[in-house]
N, C-alpha and C. Protein backbone atom coordinates (compact mmCIF):
# COMPACT_ATOMS: atom_id res chain seq x y z
N MET A 1 65.93 115.49 92.22
CA MET A 1 66.73 115.97 92.13
C MET A 1 68.36 115.10 91.72
N VAL A 2 69.54 114.99 91.40
CA VAL A 2 70.27 114.00 91.77
C VAL A 2 70.46 113.20 92.85
N GLN A 3 70.88 112.18 92.37
CA GLN A 3 71.46 112.03 94.53
C GLN A 3 72.93 111.99 93.91
N SER A 4 74.07 112.94 94.49
CA SER A 4 75.22 112.99 94.37
C SER A 4 76.49 111.41 94.67
N ALA A 5 76.02 110.66 95.90
CA ALA A 5 76.72 109.38 95.94
C ALA A 5 76.46 108.67 94.65
N LEU A 6 75.79 109.10 94.30
CA LEU A 6 75.58 108.40 92.70
C LEU A 6 76.78 108.68 91.41
N VAL A 7 76.82 109.36 91.22
CA VAL A 7 77.64 110.84 90.47
C VAL A 7 78.80 110.31 90.98
N TRP A 8 79.84 110.59 92.71
CA TRP A 8 80.80 109.94 93.22
C TRP A 8 81.31 108.55 92.37
N LEU A 9 80.62 107.40 93.12
CA LEU A 9 80.95 105.94 92.36
C LEU A 9 81.05 105.95 90.51
N PHE A 10 79.84 106.69 90.43
CA PHE A 10 80.27 105.82 89.22
C PHE A 10 81.34 107.19 88.36
N LEU A 11 82.39 108.06 88.75
CA LEU A 11 83.79 108.83 88.78
C LEU A 11 84.70 108.05 89.16
N ASN A 12 84.84 107.45 90.64
CA ASN A 12 85.34 106.61 91.00
C ASN A 12 85.43 105.43 89.98
N ALA A 13 84.91 104.38 89.44
CA ALA A 13 84.39 104.17 88.51
C ALA A 13 85.05 104.08 86.64
N VAL A 14 84.58 105.37 86.95
CA VAL A 14 85.41 105.33 85.32
C VAL A 14 86.66 105.89 86.14
N PHE A 15 86.56 106.56 86.70
CA PHE A 15 89.06 106.72 86.97
C PHE A 15 89.23 104.85 87.43
N ALA A 16 88.36 103.94 88.26
CA ALA A 16 89.39 103.23 88.16
C ALA A 16 89.36 102.53 86.82
N GLY A 17 88.52 102.53 85.54
CA GLY A 17 88.50 101.82 84.55
C GLY A 17 89.87 102.45 83.90
N PHE A 18 89.27 103.34 83.98
CA PHE A 18 90.94 104.08 82.73
C PHE A 18 92.42 103.91 83.01
N ALA A 19 92.52 103.62 83.99
CA ALA A 19 93.61 103.05 85.72
C ALA A 19 94.26 101.93 84.99
N ALA A 20 91.92 101.25 84.77
CA ALA A 20 93.39 99.35 84.78
C ALA A 20 93.45 99.83 83.17
N VAL A 21 93.04 99.98 82.38
CA VAL A 21 93.02 100.04 80.71
C VAL A 21 94.98 101.03 80.41
N ALA A 22 94.89 101.55 81.46
CA ALA A 22 96.90 101.86 81.57
C ALA A 22 97.50 100.91 81.50
N VAL A 23 96.82 99.94 82.85
CA VAL A 23 98.32 98.64 82.92
C VAL A 23 97.77 98.65 81.86
N ALA A 24 96.61 98.14 81.50
CA ALA A 24 96.54 96.42 80.67
C ALA A 24 97.68 97.37 78.97
N ALA A 25 97.21 98.76 78.82
CA ALA A 25 97.74 99.08 77.55
C ALA A 25 99.56 98.91 77.78
N TYR A 26 100.04 99.42 78.77
CA TYR A 26 101.63 99.61 79.55
C TYR A 26 101.50 98.00 78.70
N TYR A 27 100.86 96.89 79.83
CA TYR A 27 101.34 95.72 79.88
C TYR A 27 102.26 95.67 78.37
N ALA A 28 101.20 95.38 77.56
CA ALA A 28 100.56 94.06 75.85
C ALA A 28 101.89 95.54 75.16
N ASP A 29 101.92 96.71 75.50
CA ASP A 29 103.69 96.86 75.26
C ASP A 29 104.83 97.50 75.48
N GLU A 30 104.79 96.91 77.02
CA GLU A 30 106.52 97.16 77.56
C GLU A 30 107.10 95.59 77.86
N GLY A 31 106.29 95.20 78.40
CA GLY A 31 106.14 93.35 79.15
C GLY A 31 106.25 93.77 80.47
N GLU A 32 105.26 94.48 80.74
CA GLU A 32 106.02 94.92 82.59
C GLU A 32 104.68 95.46 83.26
N PRO A 33 104.28 95.91 84.14
CA PRO A 33 102.99 96.58 84.38
C PRO A 33 104.25 97.72 84.11
N ASP A 34 102.73 99.13 85.00
CA ASP A 34 102.57 100.45 85.59
C ASP A 34 102.68 100.13 87.01
N PHE A 35 103.16 100.21 87.87
CA PHE A 35 103.23 99.93 88.80
C PHE A 35 101.85 101.72 89.01
N ILE A 36 101.89 102.53 88.73
CA ILE A 36 101.62 103.55 89.66
C ILE A 36 100.24 103.93 89.28
N SER A 37 99.86 103.74 87.68
CA SER A 37 98.49 103.47 87.41
C SER A 37 97.86 102.19 88.06
N ALA A 38 98.40 101.71 88.32
CA ALA A 38 97.99 99.61 89.88
C ALA A 38 97.81 100.37 90.91
N ALA A 39 98.02 101.03 91.22
CA ALA A 39 97.71 102.49 92.62
C ALA A 39 97.24 102.96 92.27
N LEU A 40 96.94 103.42 91.27
CA LEU A 40 96.13 104.18 90.80
C LEU A 40 94.39 104.10 90.81
N ALA A 41 94.69 102.63 90.02
CA ALA A 41 92.96 102.18 90.35
C ALA A 41 92.66 101.50 91.22
N ALA A 42 93.22 100.70 92.18
CA ALA A 42 93.25 99.99 93.34
C ALA A 42 92.42 101.17 94.09
N VAL A 43 93.14 102.20 94.42
CA VAL A 43 92.73 103.73 95.04
C VAL A 43 90.88 104.29 94.23
N PHE A 44 91.20 104.25 93.46
CA PHE A 44 89.68 103.96 92.38
C PHE A 44 88.27 102.86 93.01
N ALA A 45 89.86 101.74 93.14
CA ALA A 45 88.27 101.02 93.24
C ALA A 45 87.63 100.72 94.85
N GLY A 46 89.17 100.36 95.57
CA GLY A 46 88.21 101.05 96.52
C GLY A 46 88.05 102.14 97.43
N THR A 47 87.97 103.32 97.05
CA THR A 47 87.25 104.14 96.95
C THR A 47 85.02 103.96 96.28
N CYS A 48 85.56 103.67 95.47
CA CYS A 48 84.32 103.09 95.24
C CYS A 48 83.44 101.49 96.38
N VAL A 49 84.03 101.13 96.72
CA VAL A 49 83.37 99.84 97.48
C VAL A 49 83.79 101.26 98.83
N GLU A 50 84.38 101.84 99.17
CA GLU A 50 83.41 102.56 99.60
C GLU A 50 82.96 103.29 100.18
N LEU A 51 82.43 103.99 99.27
CA LEU A 51 81.48 104.85 98.84
C LEU A 51 80.39 103.93 98.77
N GLY A 52 80.46 102.65 98.55
CA GLY A 52 78.80 102.16 97.73
C GLY A 52 78.44 101.39 99.81
N MET A 53 79.47 101.00 100.50
CA MET A 53 79.41 101.12 101.93
C MET A 53 78.77 101.89 103.24
N ALA A 54 79.35 103.76 102.43
CA ALA A 54 79.00 104.62 102.62
C ALA A 54 77.08 104.46 103.05
N ASN A 55 77.16 104.51 101.72
CA ASN A 55 76.08 104.96 100.95
C ASN A 55 74.77 103.89 101.09
N GLY A 56 75.01 102.83 102.17
CA GLY A 56 73.43 101.43 101.46
C GLY A 56 74.04 100.94 100.79
N TYR A 57 74.22 101.61 99.50
CA TYR A 57 74.17 99.96 98.26
C TYR A 57 74.50 99.09 98.60
N LEU A 58 75.95 98.90 99.85
CA LEU A 58 77.31 97.53 99.80
C LEU A 58 76.48 97.20 101.42
N PRO A 59 76.34 96.17 102.05
CA PRO A 59 76.04 95.58 103.28
C PRO A 59 77.58 95.88 103.48
N ASP A 60 77.40 96.78 105.40
CA ASP A 60 78.72 96.73 105.88
C ASP A 60 78.59 95.79 106.75
N GLY A 61 80.07 94.68 105.68
CA GLY A 61 80.63 93.42 106.33
C GLY A 61 81.61 93.67 106.33
N VAL A 62 81.80 91.81 106.97
CA VAL A 62 83.72 91.85 107.10
C VAL A 62 84.25 92.33 105.37
N LEU A 63 84.09 91.02 103.97
CA LEU A 63 83.73 91.50 102.97
C LEU A 63 84.08 92.60 102.56
N PRO A 64 83.36 93.70 102.27
CA PRO A 64 83.45 94.96 101.52
C PRO A 64 85.01 95.70 102.52
N THR A 65 84.95 95.54 103.87
CA THR A 65 86.02 96.03 104.05
C THR A 65 87.15 95.18 104.35
N ALA A 66 87.50 94.40 103.35
CA ALA A 66 88.72 93.62 103.01
C ALA A 66 89.20 93.48 101.94
N VAL A 67 87.77 93.81 100.58
CA VAL A 67 88.39 94.54 99.90
C VAL A 67 89.41 95.98 100.57
N VAL A 68 88.74 96.69 101.02
CA VAL A 68 89.31 98.15 100.93
C VAL A 68 90.66 97.73 101.82
N GLY A 69 90.36 96.76 102.49
CA GLY A 69 91.99 97.61 103.28
C GLY A 69 93.60 96.24 102.14
N GLY A 70 92.78 95.58 100.71
CA GLY A 70 93.61 94.41 100.30
C GLY A 70 93.84 96.20 98.87
N CYS A 71 92.58 96.65 98.93
CA CYS A 71 93.44 97.29 97.61
C CYS A 71 94.77 98.23 98.39
N ILE A 72 94.12 99.49 99.57
CA ILE A 72 95.58 100.04 100.86
C ILE A 72 96.34 99.66 100.18
N VAL A 73 96.19 97.85 100.14
CA VAL A 73 97.51 97.33 100.59
C VAL A 73 98.53 97.43 99.24
N VAL A 74 97.33 96.35 98.36
CA VAL A 74 97.91 97.44 96.81
C VAL A 74 98.19 98.35 96.21
N ALA A 75 97.68 99.69 96.79
CA ALA A 75 98.06 100.61 95.63
C ALA A 75 99.39 101.28 96.89
N LEU A 76 99.46 100.95 98.28
CA LEU A 76 101.25 101.17 98.66
C LEU A 76 101.92 100.69 97.94
N VAL A 77 101.85 99.33 98.18
CA VAL A 77 103.03 98.35 97.58
C VAL A 77 102.98 98.55 96.24
N SER A 78 101.77 98.78 95.03
CA SER A 78 102.28 98.83 93.67
C SER A 78 103.48 101.05 93.05
N LEU A 79 102.71 101.67 94.46
CA LEU A 79 103.05 103.15 94.38
C LEU A 79 105.36 103.24 94.12
N ALA A 80 105.15 101.86 96.03
CA ALA A 80 106.28 102.25 96.77
C ALA A 80 107.22 101.20 95.33
N VAL A 81 106.04 100.53 95.00
CA VAL A 81 107.40 100.04 93.80
C VAL A 81 107.81 100.57 91.97
N GLY A 82 106.50 101.34 92.59
CA GLY A 82 106.46 101.91 90.95
C GLY A 82 107.22 103.34 90.86
N VAL A 83 107.30 103.65 92.05
CA VAL A 83 108.38 105.09 92.37
C VAL A 83 109.89 104.58 92.65
N GLN A 84 110.41 103.17 93.09
CA GLN A 84 111.51 102.71 93.08
C GLN A 84 112.27 102.23 92.09
N ARG A 85 111.09 102.13 90.76
CA ARG A 85 111.93 101.60 89.63
C ARG A 85 111.65 102.63 88.65
N ASN A 86 110.89 104.23 88.48
CA ASN A 86 111.23 104.63 87.92
C ASN A 86 112.32 105.78 88.43
N GLN A 87 112.72 105.67 89.76
CA GLN A 87 114.42 106.64 89.91
C GLN A 87 115.29 105.31 90.09
N THR A 88 114.75 104.15 89.45
CA THR A 88 116.60 104.00 89.48
C THR A 88 116.15 104.03 88.11
N ALA A 89 115.42 104.17 86.45
CA ALA A 89 115.36 104.37 85.93
C ALA A 89 115.97 105.57 85.78
N PHE A 90 115.76 106.83 86.23
CA PHE A 90 115.70 108.04 85.75
C PHE A 90 117.86 108.37 85.94
N GLN A 91 118.30 106.81 87.45
CA GLN A 91 119.22 107.06 87.45
C GLN A 91 120.19 106.97 86.50
N ALA A 92 119.78 105.59 85.79
CA ALA A 92 120.28 105.18 84.50
C ALA A 92 120.60 106.03 83.42
N PHE A 93 119.18 106.70 83.57
CA PHE A 93 119.34 107.20 82.39
C PHE A 93 121.18 108.51 82.09
N ARG A 94 120.15 109.23 82.93
CA ARG A 94 120.99 110.05 83.79
C ARG A 94 122.95 109.98 84.01
N GLY A 95 122.85 108.43 84.32
CA GLY A 95 124.63 108.67 84.22
C GLY A 95 125.13 108.28 82.80
N ASP A 96 124.12 107.18 82.14
CA ASP A 96 123.93 107.29 80.55
C ASP A 96 124.25 107.84 79.95
N ALA A 97 123.50 109.66 80.66
CA ALA A 97 124.10 110.66 79.70
C ALA A 97 125.58 111.37 80.42
N ARG A 98 125.77 110.86 81.12
CA ARG A 98 127.33 112.13 82.02
C ARG A 98 128.42 111.46 81.03
N THR A 99 128.14 109.90 80.33
CA THR A 99 129.61 109.06 79.93
C THR A 99 129.46 109.42 78.74
N ARG A 100 128.43 109.96 77.95
CA ARG A 100 128.78 110.41 76.17
C ARG A 100 129.26 111.27 76.11
């Protein structure tokens, strides 16, 4: 029987990779990072570390816990910046549409 922990670790790693590629592709195209995708990458990376610790694949210590905490901080800050930038862009677009 397949251990489901490895399946979840793999899926979270794949999602983190997709989000990281999305950040890199957006940065290459626009010249600025996609903060929402960066938040998703941080969440999935932190989930991988946490699942690894919970299932005994990583030692339960200070370093993995600090990595998870760092991922949480990066995710929250990236999400806040991304939402604020999207709202500002939407308001600018909406204001421009009314003046035409």
